[in-house]
Amino acid sequence: MTSEEKKITYFTEPGEKNTDKTIDLAIKYAKENNIKTIVIGSATGASALKLKEKAPELEVIDVTYSEAVSYEETLEAFRKNKEKLEEKDIKIVKCTHAFSGIDKCLFKKFGGPTSSVLISETLKLISEGTKVAVESALMAADVGAIKAKEQVLALGGTSHGVDTCLLVEPSTTSKFFEFGIVEIICIPKVRGLAHG
């Protein structure tokens, strides 16, 4: 049996304060392991811009909210950054979230768990950023921005910014159980559903 030791960075708290370190760790990992693409859940586009500024040679894909969400302030911040994202050649994925849509509507109206809510809440047991990173990679695969099974880094966060970096082998949502979390590069230490 063979094994390989890898380093994981654990943040003592989740959140935006970990954005710069998460981005730096992602870039370092990408360069050392010949990863060309980073998918980042960045609702306003600010973290995606920061990532591209630090690593212009990498393909950056920003996954953001669809226009259907009620976060008007966040949508407006994204609209202000959209031109900058396009100028920097950052691909934009703007569609219904993989763990939302009709399932979320049913959950709100009738209560009781749906498959998407169960998957989402289970991923949050690891960290909020894990849920966001996985969901962002699924969404990017769904729209053809990345290829299924082609390893990419996926970044997600808790509330604002990013605090989680995963090496993933993505799938589309219709083939969710083919999705793979290959490595954890960094993640906040949280206990269970401590995300709130």
N, C-alpha and C. Protein backbone atom coordinates (compact mmCIF):
# COMPACT_ATOMS: atom_id res chain seq x y z
N MET A 1 0.84 -1.18 0.00
CA MET A 1 0.00 0.00 0.00
C MET A 1 0.89 1.25 0.00
N THR A 2 0.57 2.19 -0.86
CA THR A 2 1.34 3.43 -0.90
C THR A 2 0.54 4.54 -0.25
N SER A 3 1.24 5.53 0.19
CA SER A 3 0.58 6.70 0.79
C SER A 3 1.36 7.94 0.43
N GLU A 4 0.71 9.06 0.65
CA GLU A 4 1.31 10.35 0.35
C GLU A 4 0.90 11.32 1.44
N GLU A 5 1.85 12.01 2.01
CA GLU A 5 1.53 13.02 3.01
C GLU A 5 1.41 14.37 2.36
N LYS A 6 0.36 15.10 2.71
CA LYS A 6 0.12 16.44 2.18
C LYS A 6 -0.19 17.37 3.34
N LYS A 7 0.07 18.63 3.12
CA LYS A 7 -0.19 19.64 4.14
C LYS A 7 -1.58 20.25 3.91
N ILE A 8 -2.33 20.41 4.97
CA ILE A 8 -3.61 21.13 4.94
C ILE A 8 -3.48 22.31 5.90
N THR A 9 -3.88 23.48 5.44
CA THR A 9 -3.91 24.65 6.30
C THR A 9 -5.30 24.76 6.92
N TYR A 10 -5.34 24.86 8.25
CA TYR A 10 -6.60 25.03 8.97
C TYR A 10 -6.66 26.44 9.54
N PHE A 11 -7.71 27.17 9.19
CA PHE A 11 -7.92 28.50 9.76
C PHE A 11 -8.67 28.35 11.08
N THR A 12 -8.30 29.14 12.08
CA THR A 12 -8.93 29.01 13.39
C THR A 12 -10.37 29.51 13.38
N GLU A 13 -10.70 30.38 12.44
CA GLU A 13 -12.08 30.87 12.30
C GLU A 13 -12.41 30.96 10.82
N PRO A 14 -13.69 30.80 10.48
CA PRO A 14 -14.07 30.96 9.08
C PRO A 14 -14.21 32.43 8.71
N GLY A 15 -14.28 32.71 7.42
CA GLY A 15 -14.65 34.05 7.00
C GLY A 15 -13.67 34.77 6.09
N GLU A 16 -14.07 35.99 5.79
CA GLU A 16 -13.41 36.85 4.82
C GLU A 16 -11.96 37.15 5.15
N LYS A 17 -11.61 37.15 6.42
CA LYS A 17 -10.22 37.45 6.83
C LYS A 17 -9.22 36.43 6.28
N ASN A 18 -9.72 35.30 5.79
CA ASN A 18 -8.85 34.25 5.25
C ASN A 18 -8.70 34.33 3.73
N THR A 19 -9.32 35.32 3.10
CA THR A 19 -9.34 35.39 1.64
C THR A 19 -7.94 35.44 1.03
N ASP A 20 -7.11 36.37 1.47
CA ASP A 20 -5.78 36.51 0.87
C ASP A 20 -4.95 35.24 1.03
N LYS A 21 -4.97 34.64 2.20
CA LYS A 21 -4.20 33.41 2.44
C LYS A 21 -4.74 32.26 1.60
N THR A 22 -6.07 32.16 1.49
CA THR A 22 -6.68 31.10 0.68
C THR A 22 -6.27 31.25 -0.78
N ILE A 23 -6.33 32.46 -1.29
CA ILE A 23 -5.92 32.72 -2.67
C ILE A 23 -4.44 32.39 -2.87
N ASP A 24 -3.61 32.81 -1.94
CA ASP A 24 -2.17 32.52 -2.05
C ASP A 24 -1.90 31.01 -2.05
N LEU A 25 -2.59 30.28 -1.17
CA LEU A 25 -2.42 28.82 -1.12
C LEU A 25 -2.91 28.16 -2.41
N ALA A 26 -4.00 28.66 -2.95
CA ALA A 26 -4.54 28.11 -4.20
C ALA A 26 -3.56 28.32 -5.35
N ILE A 27 -3.01 29.52 -5.46
CA ILE A 27 -2.06 29.82 -6.52
C ILE A 27 -0.80 28.96 -6.38
N LYS A 28 -0.30 28.84 -5.18
CA LYS A 28 0.89 28.01 -4.93
C LYS A 28 0.61 26.56 -5.33
N TYR A 29 -0.52 26.03 -4.91
CA TYR A 29 -0.87 24.66 -5.24
C TYR A 29 -1.01 24.49 -6.75
N ALA A 30 -1.70 25.42 -7.39
CA ALA A 30 -1.91 25.34 -8.85
C ALA A 30 -0.57 25.30 -9.59
N LYS A 31 0.34 26.17 -9.21
CA LYS A 31 1.65 26.23 -9.87
C LYS A 31 2.47 24.97 -9.64
N GLU A 32 2.44 24.45 -8.42
CA GLU A 32 3.23 23.26 -8.09
C GLU A 32 2.65 21.98 -8.68
N ASN A 33 1.36 21.98 -9.02
CA ASN A 33 0.69 20.76 -9.47
C ASN A 33 0.08 20.87 -10.87
N ASN A 34 0.51 21.88 -11.60
CA ASN A 34 0.08 22.06 -12.99
C ASN A 34 -1.44 22.13 -13.16
N ILE A 35 -2.09 22.81 -12.24
CA ILE A 35 -3.55 23.06 -12.32
C ILE A 35 -3.72 24.40 -13.03
N LYS A 36 -4.48 24.41 -14.08
CA LYS A 36 -4.62 25.61 -14.91
C LYS A 36 -5.87 26.43 -14.62
N THR A 37 -6.86 25.84 -13.93
CA THR A 37 -8.16 26.49 -13.75
C THR A 37 -8.56 26.52 -12.28
N ILE A 38 -9.06 27.69 -11.87
CA ILE A 38 -9.60 27.85 -10.52
C ILE A 38 -11.03 28.38 -10.65
N VAL A 39 -11.95 27.65 -10.03
CA VAL A 39 -13.35 28.06 -9.95
C VAL A 39 -13.53 28.70 -8.58
N ILE A 40 -14.10 29.89 -8.55
CA ILE A 40 -14.26 30.61 -7.28
C ILE A 40 -15.69 31.11 -7.12
N GLY A 41 -16.28 30.78 -6.00
CA GLY A 41 -17.59 31.31 -5.66
C GLY A 41 -17.42 32.73 -5.14
N SER A 42 -17.69 33.69 -5.99
CA SER A 42 -17.48 35.11 -5.63
C SER A 42 -18.70 35.90 -6.08
N ALA A 43 -19.63 36.11 -5.16
CA ALA A 43 -20.91 36.72 -5.49
C ALA A 43 -20.76 38.12 -6.09
N THR A 44 -19.86 38.91 -5.57
CA THR A 44 -19.66 40.28 -6.09
C THR A 44 -18.59 40.34 -7.16
N GLY A 45 -17.79 39.28 -7.26
CA GLY A 45 -16.67 39.27 -8.20
C GLY A 45 -15.37 39.79 -7.59
N ALA A 46 -15.44 40.35 -6.39
CA ALA A 46 -14.25 40.96 -5.78
C ALA A 46 -13.14 39.94 -5.53
N SER A 47 -13.48 38.79 -5.00
CA SER A 47 -12.45 37.77 -4.73
C SER A 47 -11.89 37.21 -6.03
N ALA A 48 -12.73 37.07 -7.05
CA ALA A 48 -12.26 36.60 -8.36
C ALA A 48 -11.26 37.58 -8.96
N LEU A 49 -11.56 38.87 -8.83
CA LEU A 49 -10.63 39.90 -9.33
C LEU A 49 -9.31 39.84 -8.59
N LYS A 50 -9.36 39.67 -7.27
CA LYS A 50 -8.15 39.58 -6.46
C LYS A 50 -7.31 38.37 -6.88
N LEU A 51 -7.97 37.24 -7.12
CA LEU A 51 -7.27 36.03 -7.57
C LEU A 51 -6.60 36.25 -8.92
N LYS A 52 -7.32 36.82 -9.87
CA LYS A 52 -6.78 37.03 -11.22
C LYS A 52 -5.62 38.04 -11.20
N GLU A 53 -5.72 39.03 -10.33
CA GLU A 53 -4.65 40.02 -10.20
C GLU A 53 -3.35 39.36 -9.72
N LYS A 54 -3.49 38.41 -8.80
CA LYS A 54 -2.31 37.72 -8.26
C LYS A 54 -1.79 36.63 -9.20
N ALA A 55 -2.66 36.10 -10.07
CA ALA A 55 -2.25 35.00 -10.96
C ALA A 55 -2.90 35.17 -12.33
N PRO A 56 -2.44 36.15 -13.11
CA PRO A 56 -3.06 36.41 -14.41
C PRO A 56 -2.93 35.26 -15.40
N GLU A 57 -1.97 34.36 -15.17
CA GLU A 57 -1.75 33.24 -16.09
C GLU A 57 -2.77 32.11 -15.90
N LEU A 58 -3.48 32.10 -14.78
CA LEU A 58 -4.45 31.04 -14.52
C LEU A 58 -5.82 31.40 -15.08
N GLU A 59 -6.56 30.38 -15.49
CA GLU A 59 -7.95 30.59 -15.90
C GLU A 59 -8.78 30.68 -14.62
N VAL A 60 -9.50 31.79 -14.48
CA VAL A 60 -10.34 32.02 -13.31
C VAL A 60 -11.79 32.05 -13.77
N ILE A 61 -12.62 31.27 -13.08
CA ILE A 61 -14.05 31.22 -13.38
C ILE A 61 -14.79 31.68 -12.14
N ASP A 62 -15.52 32.80 -12.27
CA ASP A 62 -16.28 33.35 -11.15
C ASP A 62 -17.71 32.83 -11.22
N VAL A 63 -18.14 32.16 -10.16
CA VAL A 63 -19.52 31.68 -10.06
C VAL A 63 -20.25 32.60 -9.10
N THR A 64 -21.34 33.19 -9.60
CA THR A 64 -22.07 34.19 -8.83
C THR A 64 -23.56 33.87 -8.82
N TYR A 65 -24.32 34.73 -8.18
CA TYR A 65 -25.77 34.54 -8.07
C TYR A 65 -26.48 34.77 -9.40
N SER A 66 -27.59 34.08 -9.58
CA SER A 66 -28.48 34.39 -10.70
C SER A 66 -29.24 35.67 -10.35
N GLU A 67 -29.87 36.25 -11.32
CA GLU A 67 -30.65 37.48 -11.08
C GLU A 67 -31.89 37.21 -10.24
N ALA A 68 -32.23 35.94 -10.03
CA ALA A 68 -33.47 35.59 -9.33
C ALA A 68 -33.36 35.70 -7.80
N VAL A 69 -32.17 35.91 -7.27
CA VAL A 69 -32.03 35.96 -5.81
C VAL A 69 -32.47 37.32 -5.28
N SER A 70 -32.71 37.37 -3.99
CA SER A 70 -33.21 38.61 -3.38
C SER A 70 -32.10 39.47 -2.77
N TYR A 71 -30.85 39.17 -3.05
CA TYR A 71 -29.71 39.92 -2.49
C TYR A 71 -29.37 41.09 -3.40
N GLU A 72 -30.21 42.10 -3.43
CA GLU A 72 -30.06 43.20 -4.38
C GLU A 72 -28.73 43.94 -4.22
N GLU A 73 -28.30 44.13 -2.99
CA GLU A 73 -27.03 44.83 -2.74
C GLU A 73 -25.85 44.06 -3.34
N THR A 74 -25.86 42.74 -3.19
CA THR A 74 -24.80 41.90 -3.75
C THR A 74 -24.87 41.89 -5.28
N LEU A 75 -26.07 41.78 -5.83
CA LEU A 75 -26.23 41.82 -7.28
C LEU A 75 -25.71 43.13 -7.85
N GLU A 76 -25.99 44.23 -7.17
CA GLU A 76 -25.52 45.54 -7.64
C GLU A 76 -24.00 45.63 -7.58
N ALA A 77 -23.40 45.08 -6.51
CA ALA A 77 -21.93 45.07 -6.41
C ALA A 77 -21.33 44.24 -7.56
N PHE A 78 -21.97 43.13 -7.91
CA PHE A 78 -21.49 42.33 -9.03
C PHE A 78 -21.59 43.12 -10.34
N ARG A 79 -22.72 43.79 -10.54
CA ARG A 79 -22.90 44.57 -11.77
C ARG A 79 -21.81 45.62 -11.92
N LYS A 80 -21.39 46.21 -10.80
CA LYS A 80 -20.32 47.21 -10.85
C LYS A 80 -18.98 46.58 -11.22
N ASN A 81 -18.78 45.32 -10.84
CA ASN A 81 -17.50 44.63 -11.13
C ASN A 81 -17.51 43.87 -12.45
N LYS A 82 -18.67 43.71 -13.07
CA LYS A 82 -18.78 42.85 -14.26
C LYS A 82 -17.84 43.27 -15.38
N GLU A 83 -17.76 44.54 -15.67
CA GLU A 83 -16.88 45.01 -16.75
C GLU A 83 -15.42 44.70 -16.44
N LYS A 84 -15.02 44.89 -15.18
CA LYS A 84 -13.63 44.58 -14.78
C LYS A 84 -13.35 43.08 -14.92
N LEU A 85 -14.32 42.26 -14.54
CA LEU A 85 -14.16 40.81 -14.67
C LEU A 85 -13.96 40.44 -16.14
N GLU A 86 -14.76 41.00 -17.00
CA GLU A 86 -14.66 40.71 -18.43
C GLU A 86 -13.35 41.22 -19.01
N GLU A 87 -12.91 42.40 -18.59
CA GLU A 87 -11.63 42.95 -19.05
C GLU A 87 -10.46 42.05 -18.68
N LYS A 88 -10.55 41.41 -17.51
CA LYS A 88 -9.48 40.53 -17.03
C LYS A 88 -9.62 39.11 -17.59
N ASP A 89 -10.59 38.91 -18.47
CA ASP A 89 -10.83 37.61 -19.11
C ASP A 89 -11.22 36.55 -18.09
N ILE A 90 -11.99 36.95 -17.10
CA ILE A 90 -12.53 36.02 -16.11
C ILE A 90 -13.88 35.53 -16.62
N LYS A 91 -14.02 34.21 -16.75
CA LYS A 91 -15.30 33.65 -17.17
C LYS A 91 -16.31 33.85 -16.04
N ILE A 92 -17.54 34.16 -16.41
CA ILE A 92 -18.60 34.38 -15.43
C ILE A 92 -19.66 33.30 -15.60
N VAL A 93 -19.97 32.64 -14.49
CA VAL A 93 -21.06 31.67 -14.45
C VAL A 93 -22.15 32.26 -13.58
N LYS A 94 -23.29 32.51 -14.18
CA LYS A 94 -24.41 33.14 -13.48
C LYS A 94 -25.65 32.31 -13.78
N CYS A 95 -26.00 31.43 -12.86
CA CYS A 95 -27.15 30.56 -13.07
C CYS A 95 -27.73 30.17 -11.70
N THR A 96 -28.84 29.44 -11.74
CA THR A 96 -29.45 28.97 -10.50
C THR A 96 -28.46 28.09 -9.75
N HIS A 97 -28.37 28.30 -8.45
CA HIS A 97 -27.44 27.51 -7.65
C HIS A 97 -27.82 26.03 -7.68
N ALA A 98 -26.81 25.20 -7.69
CA ALA A 98 -27.01 23.75 -7.79
C ALA A 98 -27.85 23.21 -6.63
N PHE A 99 -27.73 23.80 -5.46
CA PHE A 99 -28.46 23.31 -4.29
C PHE A 99 -29.66 24.19 -3.94
N SER A 100 -30.18 24.92 -4.91
CA SER A 100 -31.33 25.81 -4.67
C SER A 100 -32.44 25.51 -5.67
N GLY A 101 -32.90 26.55 -6.33
CA GLY A 101 -33.91 26.38 -7.35
C GLY A 101 -35.23 25.87 -6.80
N ILE A 102 -35.81 24.93 -7.51
CA ILE A 102 -37.13 24.42 -7.15
C ILE A 102 -37.12 23.74 -5.78
N ASP A 103 -36.06 23.00 -5.47
CA ASP A 103 -35.99 22.34 -4.16
C ASP A 103 -36.08 23.35 -3.02
N LYS A 104 -35.40 24.47 -3.14
CA LYS A 104 -35.43 25.48 -2.08
C LYS A 104 -36.84 26.06 -1.94
N CYS A 105 -37.50 26.26 -3.07
CA CYS A 105 -38.87 26.76 -3.06
C CYS A 105 -39.80 25.78 -2.33
N LEU A 106 -39.67 24.49 -2.64
CA LEU A 106 -40.49 23.46 -1.99
C LEU A 106 -40.21 23.41 -0.49
N PHE A 107 -38.92 23.51 -0.13
CA PHE A 107 -38.53 23.48 1.28
C PHE A 107 -39.16 24.65 2.04
N LYS A 108 -39.12 25.84 1.45
CA LYS A 108 -39.69 27.03 2.11
C LYS A 108 -41.21 26.94 2.23
N LYS A 109 -41.86 26.41 1.20
CA LYS A 109 -43.32 26.38 1.19
C LYS A 109 -43.89 25.25 2.05
N PHE A 110 -43.30 24.05 1.95
CA PHE A 110 -43.89 22.89 2.60
C PHE A 110 -43.08 22.34 3.77
N GLY A 111 -41.85 22.82 3.94
CA GLY A 111 -41.00 22.30 5.00
C GLY A 111 -40.49 20.91 4.65
N GLY A 112 -39.79 20.31 5.55
CA GLY A 112 -39.27 18.97 5.28
C GLY A 112 -38.07 19.02 4.36
N PRO A 113 -37.19 18.08 4.51
CA PRO A 113 -35.97 18.11 3.72
C PRO A 113 -36.19 17.67 2.27
N THR A 114 -35.44 18.29 1.38
CA THR A 114 -35.37 17.85 -0.01
C THR A 114 -33.95 17.35 -0.24
N SER A 115 -33.74 16.66 -1.34
CA SER A 115 -32.41 16.11 -1.59
C SER A 115 -31.34 17.19 -1.64
N SER A 116 -31.63 18.30 -2.31
CA SER A 116 -30.64 19.38 -2.42
C SER A 116 -30.32 20.00 -1.06
N VAL A 117 -31.35 20.19 -0.25
CA VAL A 117 -31.13 20.75 1.09
C VAL A 117 -30.30 19.79 1.93
N LEU A 118 -30.59 18.50 1.86
CA LEU A 118 -29.82 17.51 2.62
C LEU A 118 -28.36 17.49 2.20
N ILE A 119 -28.10 17.51 0.89
CA ILE A 119 -26.72 17.52 0.40
C ILE A 119 -26.01 18.79 0.84
N SER A 120 -26.67 19.92 0.68
CA SER A 120 -26.09 21.21 1.06
C SER A 120 -25.74 21.25 2.54
N GLU A 121 -26.68 20.85 3.38
CA GLU A 121 -26.45 20.89 4.82
C GLU A 121 -25.39 19.88 5.25
N THR A 122 -25.31 18.76 4.56
CA THR A 122 -24.27 17.76 4.87
C THR A 122 -22.89 18.31 4.54
N LEU A 123 -22.75 18.97 3.39
CA LEU A 123 -21.45 19.58 3.04
C LEU A 123 -21.08 20.67 4.05
N LYS A 124 -22.07 21.38 4.57
CA LYS A 124 -21.80 22.42 5.58
C LYS A 124 -21.28 21.83 6.89
N LEU A 125 -21.50 20.52 7.11
CA LEU A 125 -20.91 19.88 8.29
C LEU A 125 -19.40 19.96 8.23
N ILE A 126 -18.84 19.97 7.02
CA ILE A 126 -17.40 20.12 6.84
C ILE A 126 -17.06 21.60 6.98
N SER A 127 -17.69 22.44 6.16
CA SER A 127 -17.59 23.89 6.29
C SER A 127 -18.51 24.53 5.26
N GLU A 128 -18.92 25.74 5.55
CA GLU A 128 -19.73 26.51 4.59
C GLU A 128 -18.98 26.65 3.26
N GLY A 129 -17.68 26.91 3.36
CA GLY A 129 -16.86 27.06 2.16
C GLY A 129 -16.79 25.79 1.32
N THR A 130 -16.86 24.63 1.97
CA THR A 130 -16.88 23.37 1.23
C THR A 130 -18.14 23.28 0.39
N LYS A 131 -19.27 23.62 0.99
CA LYS A 131 -20.54 23.62 0.25
C LYS A 131 -20.46 24.56 -0.93
N VAL A 132 -19.94 25.77 -0.73
CA VAL A 132 -19.86 26.77 -1.80
C VAL A 132 -18.90 26.31 -2.90
N ALA A 133 -17.75 25.76 -2.52
CA ALA A 133 -16.77 25.31 -3.51
C ALA A 133 -17.34 24.18 -4.37
N VAL A 134 -17.97 23.20 -3.74
CA VAL A 134 -18.57 22.08 -4.48
C VAL A 134 -19.68 22.59 -5.39
N GLU A 135 -20.56 23.41 -4.85
CA GLU A 135 -21.67 23.95 -5.63
C GLU A 135 -21.18 24.78 -6.82
N SER A 136 -20.15 25.57 -6.61
CA SER A 136 -19.60 26.40 -7.69
C SER A 136 -19.03 25.54 -8.81
N ALA A 137 -18.32 24.47 -8.46
CA ALA A 137 -17.77 23.58 -9.48
C ALA A 137 -18.89 22.86 -10.24
N LEU A 138 -19.93 22.44 -9.54
CA LEU A 138 -21.09 21.82 -10.20
C LEU A 138 -21.72 22.78 -11.20
N MET A 139 -21.93 24.02 -10.78
CA MET A 139 -22.55 25.01 -11.65
C MET A 139 -21.68 25.30 -12.87
N ALA A 140 -20.37 25.40 -12.65
CA ALA A 140 -19.45 25.65 -13.77
C ALA A 140 -19.47 24.49 -14.76
N ALA A 141 -19.56 23.26 -14.25
CA ALA A 141 -19.64 22.10 -15.13
C ALA A 141 -20.98 22.07 -15.87
N ASP A 142 -22.04 22.43 -15.18
CA ASP A 142 -23.38 22.43 -15.80
C ASP A 142 -23.45 23.33 -17.03
N VAL A 143 -22.76 24.47 -16.99
CA VAL A 143 -22.83 25.40 -18.12
C VAL A 143 -21.69 25.21 -19.11
N GLY A 144 -20.84 24.22 -18.87
CA GLY A 144 -19.75 23.92 -19.80
C GLY A 144 -18.51 24.78 -19.64
N ALA A 145 -18.41 25.51 -18.52
CA ALA A 145 -17.22 26.34 -18.29
C ALA A 145 -16.01 25.49 -17.92
N ILE A 146 -16.25 24.32 -17.34
CA ILE A 146 -15.19 23.35 -17.05
C ILE A 146 -15.69 21.97 -17.50
N LYS A 147 -14.74 21.07 -17.68
CA LYS A 147 -15.09 19.71 -18.11
C LYS A 147 -15.20 18.79 -16.90
N ALA A 148 -16.15 17.89 -16.95
CA ALA A 148 -16.28 16.89 -15.90
C ALA A 148 -15.01 16.05 -15.85
N LYS A 149 -14.62 15.70 -14.64
CA LYS A 149 -13.45 14.84 -14.37
C LYS A 149 -12.10 15.49 -14.64
N GLU A 150 -12.07 16.75 -15.09
CA GLU A 150 -10.81 17.46 -15.30
C GLU A 150 -10.51 18.24 -14.02
N GLN A 151 -9.45 17.87 -13.32
CA GLN A 151 -9.19 18.45 -12.01
C GLN A 151 -9.00 19.97 -12.07
N VAL A 152 -9.68 20.63 -11.15
CA VAL A 152 -9.59 22.08 -10.97
C VAL A 152 -9.55 22.36 -9.48
N LEU A 153 -9.13 23.57 -9.14
CA LEU A 153 -9.27 24.02 -7.75
C LEU A 153 -10.62 24.72 -7.64
N ALA A 154 -11.29 24.51 -6.53
CA ALA A 154 -12.58 25.15 -6.26
C ALA A 154 -12.47 25.88 -4.93
N LEU A 155 -12.79 27.18 -4.96
CA LEU A 155 -12.70 28.01 -3.76
C LEU A 155 -14.10 28.47 -3.35
N GLY A 156 -14.34 28.43 -2.05
CA GLY A 156 -15.61 28.91 -1.49
C GLY A 156 -15.37 29.55 -0.16
N GLY A 157 -16.39 30.18 0.36
CA GLY A 157 -16.21 30.88 1.63
C GLY A 157 -17.44 30.87 2.50
N THR A 158 -17.28 31.54 3.63
CA THR A 158 -18.34 31.67 4.62
C THR A 158 -18.78 33.13 4.62
N SER A 159 -19.94 33.40 4.13
CA SER A 159 -20.53 34.74 4.07
C SER A 159 -19.87 35.61 3.00
N HIS A 160 -18.67 36.10 3.25
CA HIS A 160 -17.95 36.94 2.28
C HIS A 160 -16.53 36.41 2.12
N GLY A 161 -15.94 36.64 0.96
CA GLY A 161 -14.57 36.20 0.74
C GLY A 161 -14.50 34.69 0.60
N VAL A 162 -13.28 34.15 0.65
CA VAL A 162 -13.08 32.71 0.56
C VAL A 162 -12.21 32.21 1.71
N ASP A 163 -12.50 31.00 2.17
CA ASP A 163 -11.73 30.40 3.26
C ASP A 163 -11.51 28.89 3.07
N THR A 164 -11.87 28.40 1.88
CA THR A 164 -11.75 26.98 1.59
C THR A 164 -11.23 26.79 0.17
N CYS A 165 -10.25 25.90 0.02
CA CYS A 165 -9.73 25.55 -1.30
C CYS A 165 -9.67 24.03 -1.40
N LEU A 166 -10.32 23.50 -2.42
CA LEU A 166 -10.37 22.06 -2.65
C LEU A 166 -9.85 21.74 -4.05
N LEU A 167 -9.15 20.63 -4.18
CA LEU A 167 -8.87 20.07 -5.50
C LEU A 167 -10.03 19.12 -5.78
N VAL A 168 -10.73 19.35 -6.89
CA VAL A 168 -11.91 18.54 -7.19
C VAL A 168 -11.84 17.97 -8.60
N GLU A 169 -12.54 16.87 -8.78
CA GLU A 169 -12.85 16.33 -10.10
C GLU A 169 -14.34 16.57 -10.27
N PRO A 170 -14.71 17.61 -11.00
CA PRO A 170 -16.11 18.01 -11.06
C PRO A 170 -16.98 17.07 -11.89
N SER A 171 -18.26 17.20 -11.66
CA SER A 171 -19.28 16.54 -12.46
C SER A 171 -20.39 17.57 -12.67
N THR A 172 -21.34 17.23 -13.49
CA THR A 172 -22.54 18.05 -13.59
C THR A 172 -23.48 17.66 -12.46
N THR A 173 -24.49 18.49 -12.21
CA THR A 173 -25.42 18.17 -11.12
C THR A 173 -26.18 16.87 -11.40
N SER A 174 -26.46 16.59 -12.66
CA SER A 174 -27.19 15.35 -12.97
C SER A 174 -26.35 14.10 -12.74
N LYS A 175 -25.05 14.28 -12.57
CA LYS A 175 -24.16 13.15 -12.26
C LYS A 175 -23.40 13.43 -10.96
N PHE A 176 -24.13 14.00 -9.98
CA PHE A 176 -23.52 14.47 -8.74
C PHE A 176 -22.64 13.42 -8.06
N PHE A 177 -23.05 12.16 -8.06
CA PHE A 177 -22.30 11.15 -7.33
C PHE A 177 -21.02 10.72 -8.05
N GLU A 178 -20.72 11.36 -9.16
CA GLU A 178 -19.42 11.19 -9.82
C GLU A 178 -18.45 12.30 -9.43
N PHE A 179 -18.93 13.29 -8.68
CA PHE A 179 -18.10 14.41 -8.21
C PHE A 179 -17.08 13.87 -7.21
N GLY A 180 -15.86 14.40 -7.27
CA GLY A 180 -14.84 13.96 -6.32
C GLY A 180 -14.12 15.11 -5.65
N ILE A 181 -14.04 15.07 -4.35
CA ILE A 181 -13.15 15.97 -3.61
C ILE A 181 -11.85 15.20 -3.44
N VAL A 182 -10.81 15.63 -4.15
CA VAL A 182 -9.56 14.89 -4.22
C VAL A 182 -8.63 15.29 -3.07
N GLU A 183 -8.52 16.59 -2.81
CA GLU A 183 -7.65 17.08 -1.74
C GLU A 183 -8.26 18.32 -1.11
N ILE A 184 -7.92 18.53 0.14
CA ILE A 184 -8.26 19.78 0.83
C ILE A 184 -6.95 20.55 0.99
N ILE A 185 -6.91 21.76 0.45
CA ILE A 185 -5.71 22.59 0.55
C ILE A 185 -5.81 23.46 1.80
N CYS A 186 -6.97 24.07 2.01
CA CYS A 186 -7.20 24.84 3.23
C CYS A 186 -8.69 24.86 3.55
N ILE A 187 -8.97 25.04 4.84
CA ILE A 187 -10.35 24.97 5.32
C ILE A 187 -10.40 25.56 6.73
N PRO A 188 -11.49 26.19 7.10
CA PRO A 188 -11.59 26.65 8.50
C PRO A 188 -11.96 25.48 9.42
N LYS A 189 -11.48 25.57 10.65
CA LYS A 189 -11.88 24.59 11.67
C LYS A 189 -13.21 25.05 12.25
N VAL A 190 -14.24 24.27 12.01
CA VAL A 190 -15.54 24.56 12.61
C VAL A 190 -16.10 23.26 13.15
N ARG A 191 -17.03 23.37 14.08
CA ARG A 191 -17.65 22.19 14.64
C ARG A 191 -19.05 22.05 14.08
N GLY A 192 -19.26 21.01 13.27
CA GLY A 192 -20.59 20.73 12.75
C GLY A 192 -21.19 21.90 12.02
N LEU A 193 -22.45 22.16 12.28
CA LEU A 193 -23.16 23.24 11.61
C LEU A 193 -22.94 24.58 12.31
N ALA A 194 -21.68 24.86 12.62
CA ALA A 194 -21.32 26.09 13.30
C ALA A 194 -21.43 27.31 12.41
N HIS A 195 -21.81 27.09 11.15
CA HIS A 195 -21.93 28.20 10.21
C HIS A 195 -23.13 29.08 10.54
N GLY A 196 -24.03 28.61 11.36
CA GLY A 196 -25.15 29.44 11.78
C GLY A 196 -26.46 29.13 11.19
